[in-house]
Amino acid sequence: MNDRITGYVQSYNRARGYGFLIPYGSTFTIYVEADALEPPCTTLSEGQQITFTIAFTEGRYTAHHVRN
């Protein structure tokens, strides 16, 4: 998928550098790693609104190109 999706941060562990996002209108969680964050977004906070793209990698959906 190449279209940007708007959603919010469900949870994010800064120490471990990963978390989960939820697209608006969905209950499906998307895995995200710290290396997917694009400047000026350097970290994520619970409830923060973000945009991202989704790809199916390593057997799960993962977020890429995450921006706030």
Protein backbone atom coordinates (compact mmCIF):
# COMPACT_ATOMS: atom_id res chain seq x y z
CA MET A 1 0.00 0.00 0.00
CA ASN A 2 1.35 3.42 -0.90
CA ASP A 3 -1.46 5.71 0.26
CA ARG A 4 -0.87 7.65 3.47
CA ILE A 5 -3.14 6.68 6.33
CA THR A 6 -4.11 8.85 9.29
CA GLY A 7 -4.24 7.26 12.69
CA TYR A 8 -2.97 7.50 16.23
CA VAL A 9 -0.41 5.90 18.51
CA GLN A 10 -1.88 3.15 20.69
CA SER A 11 1.37 2.51 22.54
CA TYR A 12 5.09 3.14 22.06
CA ASN A 13 8.07 1.93 24.09
CA ARG A 14 10.81 4.55 23.69
CA ALA A 15 13.45 2.41 25.38
CA ARG A 16 12.88 -0.52 23.01
CA GLY A 17 12.01 1.59 19.96
CA TYR A 18 8.76 0.00 18.85
CA GLY A 19 5.03 0.31 19.31
CA PHE A 20 1.60 0.01 17.74
CA LEU A 21 -0.52 2.38 15.67
CA ILE A 22 -4.25 2.27 14.91
CA PRO A 23 -5.69 3.75 11.71
CA TYR A 24 -8.75 5.94 12.30
CA GLY A 25 -11.97 3.98 11.80
CA SER A 26 -10.27 0.66 12.57
CA THR A 27 -9.38 -1.49 15.56
CA PHE A 28 -6.57 -3.27 13.69
CA THR A 29 -3.11 -2.53 15.14
CA ILE A 30 -0.05 -1.81 12.99
CA TYR A 31 3.46 -2.52 14.26
CA VAL A 32 5.98 0.36 14.07
CA GLU A 33 9.72 0.58 14.77
CA ALA A 34 11.77 3.70 15.52
CA ASP A 35 13.56 3.58 12.17
CA ALA A 36 10.19 4.18 10.42
CA LEU A 37 9.90 7.70 11.91
CA GLU A 38 10.60 10.57 9.51
CA PRO A 39 11.95 13.94 10.71
CA PRO A 40 10.86 16.03 12.48
CA CYS A 41 9.12 13.09 14.20
CA THR A 42 11.76 11.57 16.50
CA THR A 43 9.57 9.72 19.00
CA LEU A 44 5.92 8.83 19.51
CA SER A 45 3.53 9.37 22.41
CA GLU A 46 0.33 7.51 23.27
CA GLY A 47 -2.66 9.17 21.59
CA GLN A 48 -0.54 11.22 19.18
CA GLN A 49 -2.06 11.72 15.71
CA ILE A 50 0.22 10.57 12.88
CA THR A 51 0.21 9.65 9.19
CA PHE A 52 1.98 6.61 7.75
CA THR A 53 2.09 4.02 5.00
CA ILE A 54 1.59 0.29 5.52
CA ALA A 55 3.53 -2.66 4.13
CA PHE A 56 3.23 -6.40 4.77
CA THR A 57 6.68 -7.52 5.93
CA GLU A 58 7.95 -10.38 8.05
CA GLY A 59 4.47 -11.89 8.33
CA ARG A 60 2.71 -8.78 9.67
CA TYR A 61 1.61 -5.32 8.70
CA THR A 62 4.18 -2.68 9.59
CA ALA A 63 4.11 1.10 9.43
CA HIS A 64 6.62 3.04 7.36
CA HIS A 65 7.25 6.74 6.65
CA VAL A 66 5.62 7.82 9.93
CA ARG A 67 5.06 11.58 10.24
CA ASN A 68 3.30 13.77 12.79
